[in-house]
Protein backbone atom coordinates (compact mmCIF):
# COMPACT_ATOMS: atom_id res chain seq x y z
CA MET A 1 0.57 -33.50 15.90
CA LEU A 2 -2.76 -35.15 15.21
CA GLU A 3 -3.17 -36.28 11.65
CA GLU A 4 -5.85 -34.33 9.72
CA ARG A 5 -7.81 -37.53 8.93
CA THR A 6 -7.94 -38.65 12.57
CA GLN A 7 -8.82 -35.13 13.74
CA ALA A 8 -11.67 -34.94 11.19
CA LEU A 9 -12.87 -38.44 12.24
CA ILE A 10 -12.87 -37.51 15.98
CA SER A 11 -14.67 -34.17 15.23
CA GLU A 12 -17.32 -36.04 13.21
CA ARG A 13 -17.89 -38.58 15.97
CA LEU A 14 -18.14 -35.98 18.64
CA GLN A 15 -20.36 -33.63 16.68
CA GLY A 16 -23.68 -32.97 18.35
CA MET A 17 -22.49 -34.54 21.59
CA ASP A 18 -22.53 -32.74 24.91
CA LYS A 19 -19.93 -30.01 24.99
CA LEU A 20 -16.39 -31.24 25.79
CA PRO A 21 -14.78 -29.69 28.86
CA SER A 22 -13.17 -26.39 28.06
CA MET A 23 -9.63 -25.70 29.25
CA PRO A 24 -9.79 -24.81 32.98
CA LEU A 25 -9.28 -21.08 33.38
CA LEU A 26 -6.97 -21.75 36.28
CA TYR A 27 -4.82 -24.06 34.24
CA GLY A 28 -4.40 -21.51 31.45
CA LYS A 29 -3.30 -18.80 33.92
CA LEU A 30 -0.82 -21.17 35.64
CA GLN A 31 0.79 -22.16 32.35
CA LYS A 32 1.37 -18.53 31.44
CA LEU A 33 3.02 -17.98 34.85
CA LEU A 34 5.31 -20.98 34.38
CA GLN A 35 6.42 -19.59 31.05
CA ASP A 36 7.32 -16.29 32.60
CA PRO A 37 10.81 -16.38 34.27
CA LYS A 38 9.82 -13.35 36.37
CA SER A 39 6.78 -15.12 37.94
CA SER A 40 6.72 -15.75 41.66
CA MET A 41 4.69 -17.42 44.32
CA ASP A 42 2.90 -14.10 44.86
CA ASP A 43 1.57 -14.40 41.32
CA ILE A 44 0.08 -17.89 42.03
CA ALA A 45 -1.32 -16.71 45.37
CA HIS A 46 -3.06 -13.84 43.58
CA ILE A 47 -4.63 -16.21 41.11
CA LEU A 48 -5.84 -18.46 43.86
CA SER A 49 -7.22 -15.60 45.96
CA SER A 50 -10.43 -15.80 43.97
CA ASP A 51 -10.67 -19.68 44.43
CA PRO A 52 -10.53 -20.37 48.12
CA ALA A 53 -11.92 -23.87 47.63
CA MET A 54 -9.02 -24.88 45.37
CA THR A 55 -6.52 -23.25 47.81
CA MET A 56 -7.87 -25.33 50.64
CA SER A 57 -7.80 -28.50 48.58
CA LEU A 58 -4.23 -27.82 47.58
CA LEU A 59 -3.14 -27.25 51.16
CA ARG A 60 -4.84 -30.44 52.42
CA LEU A 61 -3.05 -32.41 49.71
CA VAL A 62 0.34 -30.86 50.37
CA ASN A 63 -0.08 -31.63 54.04
CA SER A 64 -0.98 -35.21 53.31
CA ALA A 65 1.44 -38.14 53.96
CA ALA A 66 2.04 -38.35 50.12
CA PHE A 67 4.23 -35.25 50.17
CA GLY A 68 6.10 -36.09 53.42
CA LEU A 69 6.43 -32.59 54.77
CA ARG A 70 7.76 -32.43 58.25
CA VAL A 71 5.83 -29.26 59.14
CA LYS A 72 2.22 -28.33 58.41
CA VAL A 73 1.90 -25.55 55.84
CA THR A 74 -0.95 -23.09 56.14
CA ASN A 75 -0.57 -20.97 53.00
CA ILE A 76 0.49 -21.17 49.39
CA LYS A 77 3.78 -19.38 49.87
CA SER A 78 4.85 -21.84 52.55
CA ALA A 79 3.85 -24.74 50.34
CA ALA A 80 6.05 -23.36 47.54
CA THR A 81 8.98 -22.87 49.94
CA PHE A 82 9.04 -26.64 50.68
CA LEU A 83 7.95 -28.09 47.31
CA GLY A 84 8.92 -25.43 44.81
CA LEU A 85 6.99 -23.15 42.48
CA ARG A 86 6.70 -25.66 39.60
CA ALA A 87 5.56 -28.46 41.89
CA ILE A 88 2.73 -26.33 43.23
CA ALA A 89 1.73 -25.15 39.73
CA SER A 90 1.81 -28.72 38.41
CA LEU A 91 -0.31 -29.98 41.24
CA LEU A 92 -2.83 -27.13 40.79
CA SER A 93 -2.94 -27.83 37.05
CA GLY A 94 -3.82 -31.47 37.65
CA LEU A 95 -6.53 -30.56 40.15
CA SER A 96 -8.02 -27.98 37.80
CA VAL A 97 -8.35 -30.71 35.05
CA VAL A 98 -10.03 -33.06 37.49
CA ARG A 99 -12.51 -30.33 38.42
CA ALA A 100 -13.13 -29.64 34.68
CA PHE A 101 -14.51 -33.18 34.20
CA GLY A 102 -16.42 -33.21 37.44
CA GLN A 103 -18.64 -36.24 38.04
CA THR A 104 -18.28 -38.42 35.01
CA LYS A 105 -21.09 -40.95 34.55
CA ALA A 106 -20.24 -44.52 35.72
CA SER A 107 -21.09 -47.61 33.77
CA THR A 108 -21.01 -51.31 34.43
CA LEU A 109 -17.53 -51.57 32.91
CA PHE A 110 -16.05 -48.16 33.59
CA ASN A 111 -15.76 -46.62 37.02
CA PRO A 112 -14.61 -42.94 37.00
CA ALA A 113 -13.47 -43.03 40.58
CA GLN A 114 -11.16 -45.98 39.87
CA PHE A 115 -10.05 -44.18 36.68
CA TRP A 116 -8.82 -41.27 38.85
CA VAL A 117 -7.18 -43.67 41.24
CA HIS A 118 -5.31 -45.11 38.38
CA SER A 119 -4.38 -41.73 36.96
CA LEU A 120 -3.20 -40.44 40.29
CA GLY A 121 -1.19 -43.62 40.76
CA VAL A 122 0.47 -43.26 37.39
CA GLY A 123 1.32 -39.58 38.22
CA PHE A 124 2.84 -40.46 41.59
CA THR A 125 4.78 -43.47 40.13
CA ALA A 126 6.11 -41.48 37.22
CA ARG A 127 7.24 -38.71 39.65
CA ARG A 128 9.10 -41.22 41.84
CA PHE A 129 10.71 -42.87 38.76
CA ALA A 130 11.84 -39.41 37.62
CA GLN A 131 13.39 -38.69 41.08
CA VAL A 132 15.31 -42.01 41.07
CA LEU A 133 16.54 -41.52 37.47
CA ASP A 134 17.49 -37.86 38.16
CA VAL A 135 15.14 -36.45 35.56
CA LYS A 136 14.79 -32.76 36.00
CA ASP A 137 11.14 -32.40 35.00
CA THR A 138 9.68 -34.49 37.80
CA GLU A 139 6.55 -32.42 37.83
CA GLY A 140 6.04 -32.80 34.08
CA CYS A 141 6.20 -36.58 34.73
CA PHE A 142 3.57 -36.29 37.43
CA LEU A 143 1.22 -34.14 35.38
CA GLY A 144 1.73 -36.40 32.27
CA GLY A 145 0.88 -39.42 34.40
CA MET A 146 -2.28 -37.67 35.74
CA LEU A 147 -3.46 -36.77 32.25
CA HIS A 148 -2.24 -39.76 30.14
CA ASP A 149 -5.61 -41.45 29.74
CA VAL A 150 -7.86 -38.39 29.67
CA GLY A 151 -9.09 -39.43 26.26
CA ARG A 152 -10.85 -42.40 27.87
CA LEU A 153 -13.00 -40.00 29.97
CA VAL A 154 -14.22 -38.49 26.68
CA LEU A 155 -14.95 -41.87 25.14
CA SER A 156 -16.77 -43.17 28.20
CA GLN A 157 -18.86 -39.99 28.60
CA HIS A 158 -19.59 -39.00 25.01
CA LEU A 159 -19.34 -42.29 23.04
CA THR A 160 -20.57 -44.67 25.75
CA GLU A 161 -22.15 -47.31 23.64
CA ASP A 162 -19.22 -47.87 21.33
CA PHE A 163 -16.73 -47.55 24.16
CA THR A 164 -18.59 -50.41 25.89
CA LYS A 165 -18.28 -52.52 22.72
CA ALA A 166 -14.54 -51.86 22.80
CA LEU A 167 -14.26 -52.89 26.47
CA LEU A 168 -16.19 -56.06 25.90
CA ALA A 169 -14.20 -56.94 22.81
CA ALA A 170 -10.85 -56.50 24.66
CA ASP A 171 -12.07 -58.78 27.39
CA ARG A 172 -13.45 -61.37 24.99
CA THR A 173 -10.29 -61.42 22.73
CA ASN A 174 -7.71 -60.90 25.51
CA THR A 175 -6.29 -57.95 23.57
CA LEU A 176 -5.31 -54.40 24.40
CA LEU A 177 -8.24 -52.11 24.83
CA LEU A 178 -6.21 -49.61 22.79
CA GLU A 179 -6.44 -51.98 19.79
CA GLN A 180 -10.13 -52.48 20.21
CA GLU A 181 -10.71 -48.71 20.40
CA GLU A 182 -8.96 -48.36 17.06
CA ALA A 183 -11.09 -51.16 15.65
CA VAL A 184 -14.39 -49.74 16.88
CA PHE A 185 -13.84 -46.01 16.38
CA GLY A 186 -11.00 -45.75 13.89
CA PHE A 187 -8.95 -43.96 16.63
CA SER A 188 -7.88 -44.50 20.17
CA HIS A 189 -8.10 -42.80 23.51
CA CYS A 190 -4.57 -41.50 22.85
CA ASP A 191 -5.89 -39.72 19.76
CA VAL A 192 -8.84 -38.30 21.59
CA GLY A 193 -6.62 -37.17 24.44
CA LEU A 194 -4.32 -35.41 21.93
CA TYR A 195 -7.41 -33.84 20.31
CA LEU A 196 -8.35 -32.39 23.73
CA ALA A 197 -4.72 -31.44 24.57
CA ASP A 198 -4.50 -29.49 21.22
CA ALA A 199 -7.82 -27.75 22.00
CA TRP A 200 -6.42 -26.82 25.43
CA ASN A 201 -3.03 -25.86 24.03
CA LEU A 202 -1.14 -28.01 26.44
CA PRO A 203 2.68 -28.02 26.42
CA ASP A 204 4.35 -30.37 23.95
CA GLU A 205 5.66 -32.80 26.62
CA LEU A 206 2.07 -33.36 27.95
CA ARG A 207 0.65 -33.78 24.50
CA LEU A 208 3.35 -36.38 23.72
CA ALA A 209 2.81 -38.23 26.98
CA ILE A 210 -0.98 -38.39 26.23
CA ALA A 211 -0.45 -39.45 22.59
CA TRP A 212 2.49 -41.88 22.91
CA HIS A 213 2.51 -43.45 26.42
CA HIS A 214 1.73 -46.91 24.93
CA LYS A 215 4.40 -46.64 22.22
CA PRO A 216 7.19 -44.30 23.36
CA HIS A 217 9.69 -46.30 21.22
CA LEU A 218 7.84 -45.10 18.08
CA LEU A 219 7.96 -41.39 19.03
CA PRO A 220 8.74 -39.39 15.87
CA LYS A 221 12.36 -38.19 15.60
CA ALA A 222 11.25 -34.54 15.87
CA HIS A 223 10.13 -35.14 19.45
CA LEU A 224 12.92 -37.39 20.78
CA ALA A 225 13.93 -34.69 23.25
CA HIS A 226 10.81 -35.70 25.20
CA GLN A 227 11.24 -39.48 24.84
CA LYS A 228 12.51 -40.05 28.36
CA LEU A 229 9.49 -38.27 29.96
CA VAL A 230 7.04 -40.11 27.71
CA THR A 231 8.75 -43.44 28.44
CA ILE A 232 8.64 -42.85 32.18
CA VAL A 233 4.91 -42.02 32.07
CA GLY A 234 4.34 -45.16 29.88
CA LYS A 235 6.30 -47.43 32.20
CA ALA A 236 4.47 -46.05 35.20
CA ASN A 237 1.16 -46.78 33.47
CA GLN A 238 2.28 -50.38 32.78
CA VAL A 239 3.32 -50.84 36.40
CA CYS A 240 0.06 -49.53 37.72
CA ILE A 241 -1.91 -51.73 35.29
CA HIS A 242 0.08 -54.80 36.33
CA GLN A 243 -0.34 -54.01 40.02
CA ALA A 244 -4.04 -53.11 39.68
CA VAL A 245 -3.66 -49.54 40.90
CA GLY A 246 -7.11 -48.29 40.13
CA ALA A 247 -8.59 -49.11 36.64
CA SER A 248 -8.69 -47.23 33.37
CA GLY A 249 -10.33 -50.02 31.39
CA GLU A 250 -6.98 -51.41 30.16
CA THR A 251 -5.97 -54.72 31.68
CA ARG A 252 -3.38 -55.99 29.20
CA MET A 253 0.30 -54.91 28.99
CA SER A 254 2.18 -53.27 26.10
CA PRO A 255 5.39 -55.12 24.99
CA PRO A 256 8.41 -54.43 27.27
CA HIS A 257 10.54 -53.22 24.35
CA ALA A 258 8.28 -50.19 23.98
CA PHE A 259 9.96 -48.74 27.13
CA SER A 260 13.54 -49.73 26.39
CA ALA A 261 14.63 -46.16 25.83
CA VAL A 262 15.01 -45.82 29.63
CA ASP A 263 16.88 -48.14 31.98
CA PHE A 264 14.55 -48.72 34.95
CA LYS A 265 16.93 -51.16 36.86
CA ALA A 266 17.51 -48.51 39.56
CA CYS A 267 13.80 -48.28 40.23
CA ASP A 268 12.21 -50.58 42.78
CA LEU A 269 9.00 -51.19 40.87
CA THR A 270 7.10 -53.19 43.46
CA GLY A 271 8.30 -50.95 46.33
CA THR A 272 7.37 -47.84 44.40
CA VAL A 273 3.81 -49.13 43.81
CA GLU A 274 3.29 -49.97 47.51
CA THR A 275 4.44 -46.40 48.43
CA VAL A 276 2.19 -44.92 45.73
CA LYS A 277 -0.83 -46.88 47.07
CA SER A 278 -0.25 -45.10 50.38
CA ASP A 279 0.06 -41.77 48.62
CA ILE A 280 -3.22 -42.37 46.84
CA GLN A 281 -4.96 -43.28 50.06
CA ALA A 282 -3.72 -40.08 51.60
CA THR A 283 -4.93 -37.87 48.74
CA PHE A 284 -7.90 -39.41 46.92
CA ALA A 285 -10.61 -38.31 49.30
CA GLU A 286 -9.61 -34.72 48.54
CA LEU A 287 -9.70 -35.48 44.81
CA GLN A 288 -13.34 -36.75 45.15
CA LYS A 289 -14.28 -33.46 46.81
CA ILE A 290 -12.87 -31.54 43.85
CA MET A 291 -14.89 -33.69 41.41
CA GLY A 292 -18.06 -32.56 43.19
């Protein structure tokens, strides 16, 4: 989906830089399981048997207030019983990507911890919107929200000086950081995120959420089947930016008509964010442990 010219430009800019994170092995295994209709919780439990640290992190997250379970779960099978196989796999996938990036270097204008607060916030918000709007793929919305800005981690870590220029220009001109990225690099964090998503062979819906969350109304016709998910992720991102849920570097809002493909009237935007802030507070400490 990435244009050849843009792909070549990104490859050229990243050439000689520190190695980009490779696809987490755990993520790859989980995606294969999700594509197999015969897979079961036993299969996921088997994969996690060699990663007790991730198992403990998952159980602590599932038992947090964010997931609202009435009983404490002590193993993966029990967690799947209450949340479902896809929910557990989706959460594990998100955690494995967080681990892949580890401790990203902080700068004066970009705080990785606040970046993950924002990403988690968008994931939880998108998931709640999906539930209210009766969208089946609630976990796809969550994971799309978690990963939507992953390209910014690459820019901040591998092209730090120019990314700082873009941040300063956005602040000085009161414009979208997205636009300043394009002016400075010739591509945006959406393009870099898609570049990484292609390298990782992520599912189409996640690639599209990463690439089009600022402009879901311009999604190519060939991908309109995923427009609702992409729009939900994009709207969740806008709400979290407006309500200052963490910080990804972006402080300006995309035009409202970009998200008109979905009617959000049934969603309590302010109430959702307040709930999500509590969800983040209940889960972020565990996320920091995973980052190392």
